[in-house]
Amino acid sequence: MAEPTSTLYAAREPIFPRRVSGFFRRMKWWIMAATLAIYYLTPWLRWDRGPNLPDQAVLIDLANRRFYFFWIEIWPHEFYFVAGLLVMAGLGLFLFTAALGRVWCGYACPQTVWTDLFLVVERWVQGDRNARLRLHQQPWSLRKVRLKSTTWALWLVIAVATGGAWVFYFADAPTLLRDLVTLDAPGVAYMTIAILTATTFTFGGFMREQICIYMCPWPRIQGAMMDDDTLTVAYRDWRGEPRGKGLRRREAAADLRVTGPQIGGRSPMIPMPGVRDTKHAAPLDGPGDCIDCNACVNVCPMGIDIRDGQQMACITCALCIDACDQVMGKIGRPRGLIDYVALSDAPREAAGGAPKPAWRHVVRPRNIAYFAVWAAIGLGLIFALFIRPDIEMTVAPIRNPTFVTLADGSIRNAYDVRLRNKHGEARPFLLAPGATTEATLTIENRADNIVEVPADAQERVRVYLTAPPGSDLAGDERTDIRLWVEDTASGERAHVDTSFNGRDNE
C-alpha cells in the first residue's frame, strides 16, 4: 500500500479578526483616513503655473517627460531628485524599523490600509467576528449569498476607485474622468484600472495575510535591521506565565500576591523601587496575569498568537495591546502585559527593575547614523533644488567631420545645442561665444543668434563656430572654449565649456 504523499501547500484558512477599541486602534483609524484621503484627493488639487502649463498640483506627465509637484517641476535630466527621494524613503524605513519595528507594515503599508478598509465593509455587512465565522461555516443559502455578494460588491467599488485614482496621477484628472465615462480615454487607462482593481480586490479581500507572509520581501529584510534594543510588540511572558484560566484563578492569584511566599523579604508582585507600575513587578509563584482568554489572538489580522514570541507574520499593528489592556482592566490587573517593549529589557523587568526609557532605545548610534544620512540627503536635495537655474544649455560637438575648412581657409566646427526654458512663458535666448574666443557664431536657418524657446520646453538648434584663417583657434589641434546663453527678458545667463578642433587635427 502506497504511503500518502505530503505537500508543503496548505489551503488558506480565512481569518475573522474581532473589532477592538483602544489607543492603537484609534491611531490606525486616523492614519487610514489620512493616507486614503491623500491617495484619493491629491490628483484633484490645483496649482496655478501660468498659461500653457498644467494646473494639476501633482502630475506625472509621461507624454512631456515632466513630474510636477506643486511649485516643483522635475525634468528628465533631473531624475536624481526622484532617486534621492527613493533613497530617503528606504533609509526612513530602515530608521523606523530599527527604532520601532514594523511600524510601516502595521500602520501605513497600502496592503494594511486597504485590508482595514475591506474589514470595515465586511463587519458592516456581516457583523463582528462570531457572526462572520458562523456565516463562513454555514452552507450556502439565500442569506449567505446576499451578505457575501453585498460585501464583494462594495469591495469592488473600492477597488475600482483605487485603480481609477492611480491613473489620475498621470493625466489631467477632470479631463481623464470625463473621457473614462464617455469611453474616449486611451486603452492603457482602462487596462491599468482593470489590473489595479483586480489586484486590490483579490489582495485586500481574499489574500490578506498571505501577501504579507509569502509575497512581500520586507518581513525578511527587516530582520537584519531589528535587534534586542528595538521597541516592538511583545508579550511579557515573565509576568503572564504560567497562564491561569478564568476569573476564579485570577482571584486565587490575587490572594497569593498578598499572602504568598516572600522573596527577599517582600511579596513577589510588589513593585520594586523605581518601578512606575506593577507591569514591571517581580515574577510570581503561581498563575500569571494571562488568563488565556485569547483576546489577543481573536483581534490579530494575521491570526497569530503574540504569546508564542517574535514571528515573521507579526506586522506590529498593536491591536493585541488594546485587546489585552481591556482584559487587564476588567480583572483588575495593570496594563502592559502585551506592549511595545525592547527584548533587552526583559531580564531587568523580570528581576523587578525598571526598563530603560523609550528614548534611549530610539536614540542610539545606529539610529543616529540612519537619521544623519537621511537628513544629509534631504538637505542636499533642497539645496540642489534652490540653486538650479531657470535656463539650461547642453552642447554636443559634431564629430563627423570634426571640422570643415571653408573656401577662404576658415575653420568651422558644428555643435548641437539644446536650450531649456523652465519659465512659465516663452523666452528669447541669445547665444554667443566667450569674449576671448576668436570665432564667430551662427545658427542654422536663422538670421540672428536669438532662439525663441516656448514656455516650459526645450529647443534644439545647430550652431556653427567659425575661426578666421591664421588665427590660433584655427591652427591649434584642440582649444577649450566657452559658449554663453542669455535670457534677454531677465538678463539671466548660463554657460557651457566645450572644445574647438583646428587644422592640426589633419
Protein backbone atom coordinates (compact mmCIF):
# COMPACT_ATOMS: atom_id res chain seq x y z
CA MET A 1 0.00 0.00 0.00
CA ALA A 2 1.45 3.30 -1.10
CA GLU A 3 2.18 5.85 1.60
CA PRO A 4 0.28 9.14 1.34
CA THR A 5 2.35 11.91 -0.14
CA SER A 6 2.92 15.05 1.88
CA THR A 7 2.64 18.56 0.50
CA LEU A 8 4.11 21.87 1.51
CA TYR A 9 0.98 23.69 0.44
CA ALA A 10 -1.81 24.38 2.91
CA ALA A 11 -5.08 25.95 1.84
CA ARG A 12 -5.73 29.34 3.39
CA GLU A 13 -7.95 29.40 6.43
CA PRO A 14 -9.86 32.72 6.44
CA ILE A 15 -9.19 34.93 9.45
CA PHE A 16 -12.02 36.88 11.04
CA PRO A 17 -10.45 39.38 13.47
CA ARG A 18 -12.64 40.77 16.20
CA ARG A 19 -13.17 44.51 16.43
CA VAL A 20 -11.33 46.19 19.28
CA SER A 21 -11.11 49.72 20.62
CA GLY A 22 -8.20 51.48 22.24
CA PHE A 23 -5.33 53.87 21.66
CA PHE A 24 -3.63 51.95 18.85
CA ARG A 25 -6.89 51.17 17.07
CA ARG A 26 -7.80 54.88 17.11
CA MET A 27 -4.36 55.76 15.80
CA LYS A 28 -4.81 53.26 12.96
CA TRP A 29 -8.18 54.83 12.11
CA TRP A 30 -6.60 58.27 11.86
CA ILE A 31 -3.67 57.01 9.77
CA MET A 32 -6.02 55.08 7.49
CA ALA A 33 -8.22 58.16 6.98
CA ALA A 34 -5.19 60.38 6.28
CA THR A 35 -3.49 58.02 3.83
CA LEU A 36 -6.69 57.25 1.92
CA ALA A 37 -7.56 60.95 1.73
CA ILE A 38 -4.09 61.76 0.38
CA TYR A 39 -4.30 58.99 -2.21
CA TYR A 40 -7.82 59.70 -3.46
CA LEU A 41 -7.85 63.53 -3.28
CA THR A 42 -4.33 64.55 -4.35
CA PRO A 43 -4.97 64.33 -8.14
CA TRP A 44 -7.81 66.84 -7.77
CA LEU A 45 -5.72 69.57 -6.15
CA ARG A 46 -4.97 72.52 -8.44
CA TRP A 47 -1.85 74.69 -8.70
CA ASP A 48 -1.58 77.73 -10.97
CA ARG A 49 1.63 77.57 -13.01
CA GLY A 50 0.67 80.13 -15.61
CA PRO A 51 -0.63 79.81 -19.18
CA ASN A 52 0.16 76.77 -21.32
CA LEU A 53 1.16 74.69 -18.29
CA PRO A 54 -0.85 72.03 -16.41
CA ASP A 55 -2.62 73.25 -13.27
CA GLN A 56 -2.73 69.86 -11.52
CA ALA A 57 -0.74 70.08 -8.30
CA VAL A 58 0.76 66.58 -8.57
CA LEU A 59 1.17 65.24 -12.09
CA ILE A 60 3.42 62.64 -13.71
CA ASP A 61 3.35 63.86 -17.32
CA LEU A 62 4.86 60.95 -19.24
CA ALA A 63 4.00 62.43 -22.65
CA ASN A 64 6.10 65.54 -21.99
CA ARG A 65 8.51 63.80 -19.62
CA ARG A 66 7.82 66.01 -16.62
CA PHE A 67 6.99 65.49 -12.97
CA TYR A 68 5.08 68.31 -11.28
CA PHE A 69 4.75 68.57 -7.50
CA PHE A 70 3.08 71.84 -6.55
CA TRP A 71 5.71 74.53 -7.32
CA ILE A 72 8.44 71.97 -8.16
CA GLU A 73 8.99 70.71 -11.69
CA ILE A 74 11.37 67.81 -12.36
CA TRP A 75 12.82 67.35 -15.87
CA PRO A 76 14.16 64.03 -17.21
CA HIS A 77 17.80 65.06 -16.69
CA GLU A 78 16.95 65.89 -13.06
CA PHE A 79 15.95 62.35 -12.19
CA TYR A 80 18.48 62.46 -9.38
CA PHE A 81 15.79 64.27 -7.35
CA VAL A 82 13.49 61.25 -7.68
CA ALA A 83 16.37 58.88 -6.96
CA GLY A 84 17.24 60.90 -3.86
CA LEU A 85 13.66 60.73 -2.61
CA LEU A 86 13.62 56.95 -3.11
CA VAL A 87 16.86 56.61 -1.17
CA MET A 88 15.38 58.76 1.61
CA ALA A 89 12.27 56.55 1.67
CA GLY A 90 14.45 53.45 2.02
CA LEU A 91 16.55 54.99 4.80
CA GLY A 92 13.36 56.14 6.53
CA LEU A 93 12.12 52.54 6.55
CA PHE A 94 15.47 51.39 7.95
CA LEU A 95 15.31 54.06 10.66
CA PHE A 96 11.76 53.32 11.76
CA THR A 97 12.32 49.56 11.65
CA ALA A 98 15.48 49.78 13.76
CA ALA A 99 13.72 52.02 16.28
CA LEU A 100 10.13 50.75 16.38
CA GLY A 101 9.96 47.50 14.42
CA ARG A 102 7.44 47.01 11.64
CA VAL A 103 5.51 50.24 12.15
CA TRP A 104 5.29 50.71 8.39
CA CYS A 105 3.66 47.30 7.96
CA GLY A 106 1.28 47.79 10.85
CA TYR A 107 0.05 51.30 10.14
CA ALA A 108 0.83 52.76 6.68
CA CYS A 109 1.51 49.92 4.22
CA PRO A 110 -1.10 50.02 1.39
CA GLN A 111 -1.86 46.33 1.96
CA THR A 112 -2.63 47.06 5.61
CA VAL A 113 -4.65 50.20 4.89
CA TRP A 114 -6.85 48.63 2.22
CA THR A 115 -7.28 45.43 4.24
CA ASP A 116 -8.51 47.53 7.16
CA LEU A 117 -10.93 49.29 4.83
CA PHE A 118 -12.21 45.98 3.47
CA LEU A 119 -12.66 44.69 7.05
CA VAL A 120 -14.76 47.73 7.88
CA VAL A 121 -17.09 46.85 4.99
CA GLU A 122 -17.10 43.18 5.96
CA ARG A 123 -18.09 43.94 9.57
CA TRP A 124 -20.72 46.45 8.48
CA VAL A 125 -22.44 43.91 6.23
CA GLN A 126 -21.84 40.60 8.02
CA GLY A 127 -21.30 41.54 11.68
CA ASP A 128 -18.36 41.10 14.03
CA ARG A 129 -16.12 38.08 14.40
CA ASN A 130 -18.55 35.46 15.69
CA ALA A 131 -21.25 36.37 13.16
CA ARG A 132 -18.77 36.23 10.26
CA LEU A 133 -17.31 32.96 11.49
CA ARG A 134 -20.78 31.37 11.71
CA LEU A 135 -21.65 32.68 8.25
CA HIS A 136 -18.46 31.20 6.81
CA GLN A 137 -19.20 27.77 8.32
CA GLN A 138 -22.84 27.69 7.19
CA PRO A 139 -23.82 26.01 3.92
CA TRP A 140 -24.72 28.32 1.06
CA SER A 141 -28.19 29.84 1.35
CA LEU A 142 -30.02 32.88 0.04
CA ARG A 143 -28.99 34.85 3.12
CA LYS A 144 -25.32 33.86 2.75
CA VAL A 145 -25.36 34.72 -0.96
CA ARG A 146 -26.95 38.10 -0.20
CA LEU A 147 -24.43 39.02 2.52
CA LYS A 148 -21.39 37.77 0.61
CA SER A 149 -22.41 39.36 -2.69
CA THR A 150 -23.11 42.69 -0.96
CA THR A 151 -19.68 42.57 0.68
CA TRP A 152 -17.94 41.71 -2.59
CA ALA A 153 -19.84 44.41 -4.47
CA LEU A 154 -18.71 47.07 -2.01
CA TRP A 155 -15.15 45.73 -2.19
CA LEU A 156 -15.33 46.01 -5.97
CA VAL A 157 -16.43 49.65 -5.74
CA ILE A 158 -13.45 50.42 -3.50
CA ALA A 159 -11.12 48.52 -5.84
CA VAL A 160 -12.36 50.42 -8.91
CA ALA A 161 -11.92 53.72 -7.08
CA THR A 162 -8.40 52.65 -6.15
CA GLY A 163 -7.41 51.84 -9.72
CA GLY A 164 -9.15 54.93 -11.03
CA ALA A 165 -7.37 57.22 -8.57
CA TRP A 166 -3.99 55.90 -9.68
CA VAL A 167 -4.42 56.78 -13.37
CA PHE A 168 -5.46 60.34 -12.41
CA TYR A 169 -1.86 60.99 -11.36
CA PHE A 170 -0.74 60.60 -14.99
CA ALA A 171 -3.19 62.95 -16.75
CA ASP A 172 -5.41 65.91 -16.00
CA ALA A 173 -7.89 64.35 -13.57
CA PRO A 174 -11.14 66.12 -14.61
CA THR A 175 -10.42 65.59 -18.31
CA LEU A 176 -9.50 61.95 -17.86
CA LEU A 177 -12.60 61.29 -15.74
CA ARG A 178 -14.81 62.70 -18.48
CA ASP A 179 -13.00 60.60 -21.08
CA LEU A 180 -13.34 57.47 -18.96
CA VAL A 181 -17.07 57.96 -18.57
CA THR A 182 -17.59 58.70 -22.28
CA LEU A 183 -15.30 55.79 -23.25
CA ASP A 184 -12.89 58.17 -25.00
CA ALA A 185 -9.92 57.50 -22.72
CA PRO A 186 -6.83 55.65 -24.00
CA GLY A 187 -6.92 51.88 -23.79
CA VAL A 188 -3.96 51.83 -21.43
CA ALA A 189 -6.01 53.76 -18.86
CA TYR A 190 -8.76 51.13 -18.85
CA MET A 191 -6.18 48.35 -18.72
CA THR A 192 -4.39 49.94 -15.77
CA ILE A 193 -7.65 50.41 -13.87
CA ALA A 194 -8.64 46.81 -14.56
CA ILE A 195 -5.31 45.42 -13.30
CA LEU A 196 -5.29 47.56 -10.15
CA THR A 197 -8.95 46.78 -9.50
CA ALA A 198 -8.30 43.05 -9.72
CA THR A 199 -5.22 43.15 -7.50
CA THR A 200 -6.85 45.39 -4.87
CA PHE A 201 -9.99 43.25 -4.79
CA THR A 202 -8.01 39.99 -4.53
CA PHE A 203 -5.21 41.11 -2.20
CA GLY A 204 -7.42 43.06 0.20
CA GLY A 205 -10.33 40.64 0.17
CA PHE A 206 -9.01 37.10 -0.20
CA MET A 207 -5.21 37.04 0.26
CA ARG A 208 -4.77 39.44 3.16
CA GLU A 209 -2.18 37.88 5.45
CA GLN A 210 -0.73 35.74 2.64
CA ILE A 211 0.53 38.86 0.86
CA CYS A 212 2.48 39.85 3.99
CA ILE A 213 3.83 36.38 4.69
CA TYR A 214 4.58 34.95 1.24
CA MET A 215 4.69 37.73 -1.35
CA CYS A 216 6.22 40.72 0.44
CA PRO A 217 10.02 40.61 0.87
CA TRP A 218 10.05 43.25 3.60
CA PRO A 219 9.42 40.91 6.60
CA ARG A 220 12.59 39.01 5.68
CA ILE A 221 14.70 42.11 5.01
CA GLN A 222 13.80 43.88 8.21
CA GLY A 223 15.08 41.02 10.33
CA ALA A 224 18.59 42.35 9.71
CA MET A 225 17.59 45.80 11.00
CA MET A 226 15.98 44.79 14.28
CA ASP A 227 17.90 43.87 17.42
CA ASP A 228 17.25 43.45 21.13
CA ASP A 229 17.02 47.23 21.61
CA THR A 230 14.26 47.68 19.02
CA LEU A 231 10.91 48.61 20.53
CA THR A 232 8.38 46.15 19.19
CA VAL A 233 5.12 44.49 20.21
CA ALA A 234 5.87 41.64 22.60
CA TYR A 235 4.35 39.59 25.42
CA ARG A 236 5.81 39.87 28.92
CA ASP A 237 5.93 36.14 29.49
CA TRP A 238 7.72 36.51 32.82
CA ARG A 239 4.63 38.30 34.09
CA GLY A 240 1.93 36.35 32.26
CA GLU A 241 3.16 32.78 32.78
CA PRO A 242 2.02 30.33 33.93
CA ARG A 243 -1.33 31.14 32.45
CA GLY A 244 -4.45 30.98 34.56
CA LYS A 245 -7.93 30.32 33.25
CA GLY A 246 -10.89 32.47 34.14
CA LEU A 247 -11.61 34.96 36.90
CA ARG A 248 -11.64 32.35 39.67
CA ARG A 249 -7.96 31.55 39.03
CA ARG A 250 -7.32 35.27 38.90
CA GLU A 251 -8.84 35.76 42.38
CA ALA A 252 -6.63 32.99 43.72
CA ALA A 253 -3.61 34.64 42.19
CA ALA A 254 -4.57 37.93 43.84
CA ASP A 255 -4.67 36.21 47.25
CA LEU A 256 -1.26 34.66 46.57
CA ARG A 257 0.21 38.07 45.85
CA VAL A 258 -0.90 39.31 49.26
CA THR A 259 -0.18 36.27 51.46
CA GLY A 260 2.12 34.11 49.34
CA PRO A 261 5.77 33.29 49.90
CA GLN A 262 8.22 36.11 50.35
CA ILE A 263 11.23 36.71 48.08
CA GLY A 264 13.93 38.74 49.74
CA GLY A 265 11.50 39.89 52.42
CA ARG A 266 8.84 41.17 50.02
CA SER A 267 5.80 39.79 48.23
CA PRO A 268 6.74 38.64 44.67
CA MET A 269 4.40 41.01 42.80
CA ILE A 270 5.00 44.13 44.89
CA PRO A 271 6.62 46.83 42.69
CA MET A 272 10.35 47.26 43.17
CA PRO A 273 11.88 50.67 43.99
CA GLY A 274 11.96 52.96 40.99
CA VAL A 275 9.34 50.95 39.07
CA ARG A 276 6.47 53.08 37.76
CA ASP A 277 3.70 50.49 37.99
CA THR A 278 3.14 46.80 38.62
CA LYS A 279 3.54 45.82 34.99
CA HIS A 280 7.28 45.90 35.79
CA ALA A 281 6.94 43.93 39.01
CA ALA A 282 8.86 40.84 40.08
CA PRO A 283 7.76 37.34 38.93
CA LEU A 284 5.02 35.39 40.67
CA ASP A 285 4.89 31.93 42.24
CA GLY A 286 1.51 30.85 40.92
CA PRO A 287 -0.74 31.77 38.00
CA GLY A 288 0.48 34.69 35.91
CA ASP A 289 -1.59 37.62 34.74
CA CYS A 290 -2.54 35.94 31.44
CA ILE A 291 -5.92 34.24 31.80
CA ASP A 292 -5.63 32.57 28.38
CA CYS A 293 -8.71 34.37 27.07
CA ASN A 294 -7.29 34.50 23.51
CA ALA A 295 -8.43 38.11 23.10
CA CYS A 296 -5.04 38.96 21.58
CA VAL A 297 -5.42 36.12 19.05
CA ASN A 298 -9.00 37.00 18.14
CA VAL A 299 -8.16 40.59 17.18
CA CYS A 300 -5.00 39.76 15.21
CA PRO A 301 -5.44 40.33 11.46
CA MET A 302 -2.64 37.82 10.84
CA GLY A 303 -4.18 35.13 13.04
CA ILE A 304 -1.06 34.60 15.18
CA ASP A 305 -0.55 34.30 18.93
CA ILE A 306 1.84 37.02 20.12
CA ARG A 307 2.48 34.94 23.25
CA ASP A 308 4.47 32.48 21.11
CA GLY A 309 7.22 35.09 20.75
CA GLN A 310 8.53 37.11 17.81
CA GLN A 311 7.17 35.89 14.47
CA MET A 312 7.70 36.92 10.88
CA ALA A 313 3.93 37.14 10.36
CA CYS A 314 3.51 39.80 13.06
CA ILE A 315 3.04 43.23 11.49
CA THR A 316 3.10 45.01 14.90
CA CYS A 317 -0.31 46.61 14.36
CA ALA A 318 -0.58 46.64 18.21
CA LEU A 319 -4.26 45.65 18.24
CA CYS A 320 -3.33 42.84 20.63
CA ILE A 321 -2.13 45.52 23.06
CA ASP A 322 -5.56 47.19 23.04
CA ALA A 323 -7.33 43.85 23.47
CA CYS A 324 -5.09 42.71 26.34
CA ASP A 325 -5.29 46.07 28.10
CA GLN A 326 -9.08 45.82 28.09
CA VAL A 327 -8.93 42.39 29.70
CA MET A 328 -6.38 43.52 32.29
CA GLY A 329 -8.68 46.41 33.19
CA LYS A 330 -11.61 44.05 33.69
CA ILE A 331 -9.74 41.69 36.01
CA GLY A 332 -8.05 44.49 37.93
CA ARG A 333 -4.50 43.90 36.73
CA PRO A 334 -2.05 46.50 35.37
CA ARG A 335 -2.00 47.19 31.67
CA GLY A 336 1.04 46.33 29.58
CA LEU A 337 1.08 42.53 29.65
CA ILE A 338 1.41 42.93 25.87
CA ASP A 339 3.16 46.15 24.99
CA TYR A 340 5.82 47.90 22.95
CA VAL A 341 8.93 46.62 24.69
CA ALA A 342 12.61 46.01 23.95
CA LEU A 343 13.76 42.44 24.39
CA SER A 344 16.90 43.68 26.11
CA ASP A 345 14.72 44.99 28.96
CA ALA A 346 13.11 41.61 29.66
CA PRO A 347 15.72 40.27 32.15
CA ARG A 348 15.73 43.59 34.01
CA GLU A 349 11.93 43.72 34.22
CA ALA A 350 11.70 40.05 35.21
CA ALA A 351 14.05 40.77 38.10
CA GLY A 352 11.80 43.62 39.23
CA GLY A 353 13.80 46.50 37.75
CA ALA A 354 12.63 49.35 35.58
CA PRO A 355 13.20 49.26 31.81
CA LYS A 356 15.34 51.81 30.07
CA PRO A 357 13.43 54.92 28.96
CA ALA A 358 11.97 54.53 25.49
CA TRP A 359 14.03 57.40 24.11
CA ARG A 360 17.23 55.54 24.94
CA HIS A 361 16.13 52.67 22.72
CA VAL A 362 15.38 55.10 19.90
CA VAL A 363 18.34 57.47 20.27
CA ARG A 364 21.31 55.16 19.82
CA PRO A 365 24.30 55.17 17.44
CA ARG A 366 22.81 53.14 14.59
CA ASN A 367 19.59 55.14 14.52
CA ILE A 368 21.53 58.39 14.74
CA ALA A 369 23.62 57.27 11.75
CA TYR A 370 20.47 56.43 9.77
CA PHE A 371 18.97 59.82 10.60
CA ALA A 372 22.18 61.70 9.80
CA VAL A 373 22.45 60.14 6.33
CA TRP A 374 18.73 60.63 5.73
CA ALA A 375 18.89 64.31 6.76
CA ALA A 376 22.06 64.92 4.72
CA ILE A 377 20.41 63.61 1.56
CA GLY A 378 17.30 65.69 2.23
CA LEU A 379 19.28 68.88 2.80
CA GLY A 380 21.34 68.17 -0.31
CA LEU A 381 18.20 67.80 -2.42
CA ILE A 382 16.76 71.03 -1.02
CA PHE A 383 20.00 72.87 -1.71
CA ALA A 384 20.15 71.49 -5.27
CA LEU A 385 16.51 72.44 -5.81
CA PHE A 386 17.02 76.08 -4.88
CA ILE A 387 20.27 76.64 -6.77
CA ARG A 388 19.21 75.09 -10.06
CA PRO A 389 18.90 77.71 -12.85
CA ASP A 390 15.73 78.53 -14.78
CA ILE A 391 17.61 78.25 -18.08
CA GLU A 392 19.98 75.47 -19.07
CA MET A 393 22.09 74.64 -22.10
CA THR A 394 23.80 71.46 -23.26
CA VAL A 395 26.33 71.41 -26.10
CA ALA A 396 27.27 68.33 -28.13
CA PRO A 397 30.10 68.79 -30.71
CA ILE A 398 29.53 67.15 -34.09
CA ARG A 399 32.37 64.65 -34.55
CA ASN A 400 31.80 63.61 -38.15
CA PRO A 401 33.55 65.58 -39.51
CA THR A 402 35.39 67.17 -36.58
CA PHE A 403 35.80 70.40 -38.59
CA VAL A 404 35.27 71.80 -42.07
CA THR A 405 37.73 74.02 -43.98
CA LEU A 406 35.87 76.75 -45.88
CA ALA A 407 36.95 78.28 -49.23
CA ASP A 408 38.66 81.25 -47.57
CA GLY A 409 40.65 78.98 -45.24
CA SER A 410 38.41 79.48 -42.22
CA ILE A 411 37.82 76.50 -39.89
CA ARG A 412 34.27 75.73 -38.89
CA ASN A 413 33.01 73.42 -36.12
CA ALA A 414 29.39 72.36 -35.70
CA TYR A 415 27.51 71.76 -32.44
CA ASP A 416 24.07 70.56 -31.45
CA VAL A 417 22.84 72.94 -28.75
CA ARG A 418 19.81 72.16 -26.57
CA LEU A 419 18.21 75.09 -24.72
CA ARG A 420 15.81 74.53 -21.80
CA ASN A 421 13.37 77.19 -20.70
CA LYS A 422 11.92 76.42 -17.26
CA HIS A 423 9.85 79.60 -17.08
CA GLY A 424 6.09 79.66 -17.46
CA GLU A 425 6.26 81.82 -20.59
CA ALA A 426 8.24 81.83 -23.83
CA ARG A 427 11.68 83.47 -23.61
CA PRO A 428 14.16 84.73 -26.27
CA PHE A 429 17.64 83.29 -25.70
CA LEU A 430 20.76 84.91 -27.15
CA LEU A 431 23.71 82.64 -27.99
CA ALA A 432 27.26 83.97 -28.09
CA PRO A 433 30.87 82.70 -27.76
CA GLY A 434 33.11 83.78 -24.89
CA ALA A 435 34.63 87.26 -25.04
CA THR A 436 38.15 85.90 -25.67
CA THR A 437 37.07 83.48 -28.37
CA GLU A 438 38.15 84.49 -31.90
CA ALA A 439 35.35 82.56 -33.58
CA THR A 440 32.04 83.93 -34.83
CA LEU A 441 28.77 82.17 -34.06
CA THR A 442 25.90 81.48 -36.45
CA ILE A 443 22.73 79.43 -36.06
CA GLU A 444 21.49 77.24 -38.88
CA ASN A 445 18.48 78.64 -40.77
CA ARG A 446 18.38 81.79 -38.61
CA ALA A 447 19.25 85.36 -39.47
CA ASP A 448 20.38 86.22 -35.92
CA ASN A 449 21.65 84.44 -32.85
CA ILE A 450 18.39 84.61 -30.90
CA VAL A 451 16.33 81.45 -30.27
CA GLU A 452 12.74 81.71 -29.08
CA VAL A 453 12.12 78.84 -26.64
CA PRO A 454 8.49 78.07 -25.72
CA ALA A 455 7.34 78.04 -22.10
CA ASP A 456 8.50 75.07 -20.06
CA ALA A 457 10.07 73.47 -23.11
CA GLN A 458 13.37 72.87 -24.82
CA GLU A 459 14.63 73.75 -28.27
CA ARG A 460 17.48 72.14 -30.21
CA VAL A 461 19.44 74.12 -32.80
CA ARG A 462 22.53 73.53 -34.93
CA VAL A 463 25.23 76.09 -34.13
CA TYR A 464 28.39 76.84 -36.14
CA LEU A 465 31.59 78.40 -34.80
CA THR A 466 33.95 79.73 -37.48
CA ALA A 467 37.59 80.65 -36.77
CA PRO A 468 39.29 83.03 -39.26
CA PRO A 469 42.31 81.72 -41.20
CA GLY A 470 45.64 82.25 -39.50
CA SER A 471 44.15 82.52 -36.01
CA ASP A 472 45.41 80.43 -33.12
CA LEU A 473 41.96 78.88 -32.84
CA ALA A 474 42.15 77.67 -36.45
CA GLY A 475 45.71 76.43 -36.18
CA ASP A 476 45.69 74.61 -32.85
CA GLU A 477 44.67 70.98 -32.68
CA ARG A 478 42.19 71.49 -29.83
CA THR A 479 41.18 74.60 -27.90
CA ASP A 480 38.86 74.91 -24.90
CA ILE A 481 36.14 77.49 -25.49
CA ARG A 482 33.00 78.71 -23.72
CA LEU A 483 29.50 79.26 -25.11
CA TRP A 484 27.08 81.61 -23.38
CA VAL A 485 23.30 81.81 -23.40
CA GLU A 486 21.42 84.86 -22.11
CA ASP A 487 17.74 85.26 -21.36
CA THR A 488 17.18 88.65 -22.95
CA ALA A 489 13.97 89.14 -20.94
CA SER A 490 15.51 88.71 -17.50
CA GLY A 491 19.24 89.02 -18.15
CA GLU A 492 19.91 85.60 -16.60
CA ARG A 493 22.92 83.86 -18.11
CA ALA A 494 24.40 80.37 -18.27
CA HIS A 495 27.44 78.88 -19.96
CA VAL A 496 28.88 75.57 -21.10
CA ASP A 497 32.54 74.74 -21.75
CA THR A 498 33.34 72.75 -24.88
CA SER A 499 36.20 72.47 -27.38
CA PHE A 500 37.12 73.69 -30.86
CA ASN A 501 39.06 71.49 -33.29
CA GLY A 502 41.60 73.24 -35.53
CA ARG A 503 43.74 72.42 -38.57
CA ASP A 504 46.36 70.39 -36.68
CA ASN A 505 43.83 67.60 -36.46
CA GLU A 506 44.51 66.84 -40.12
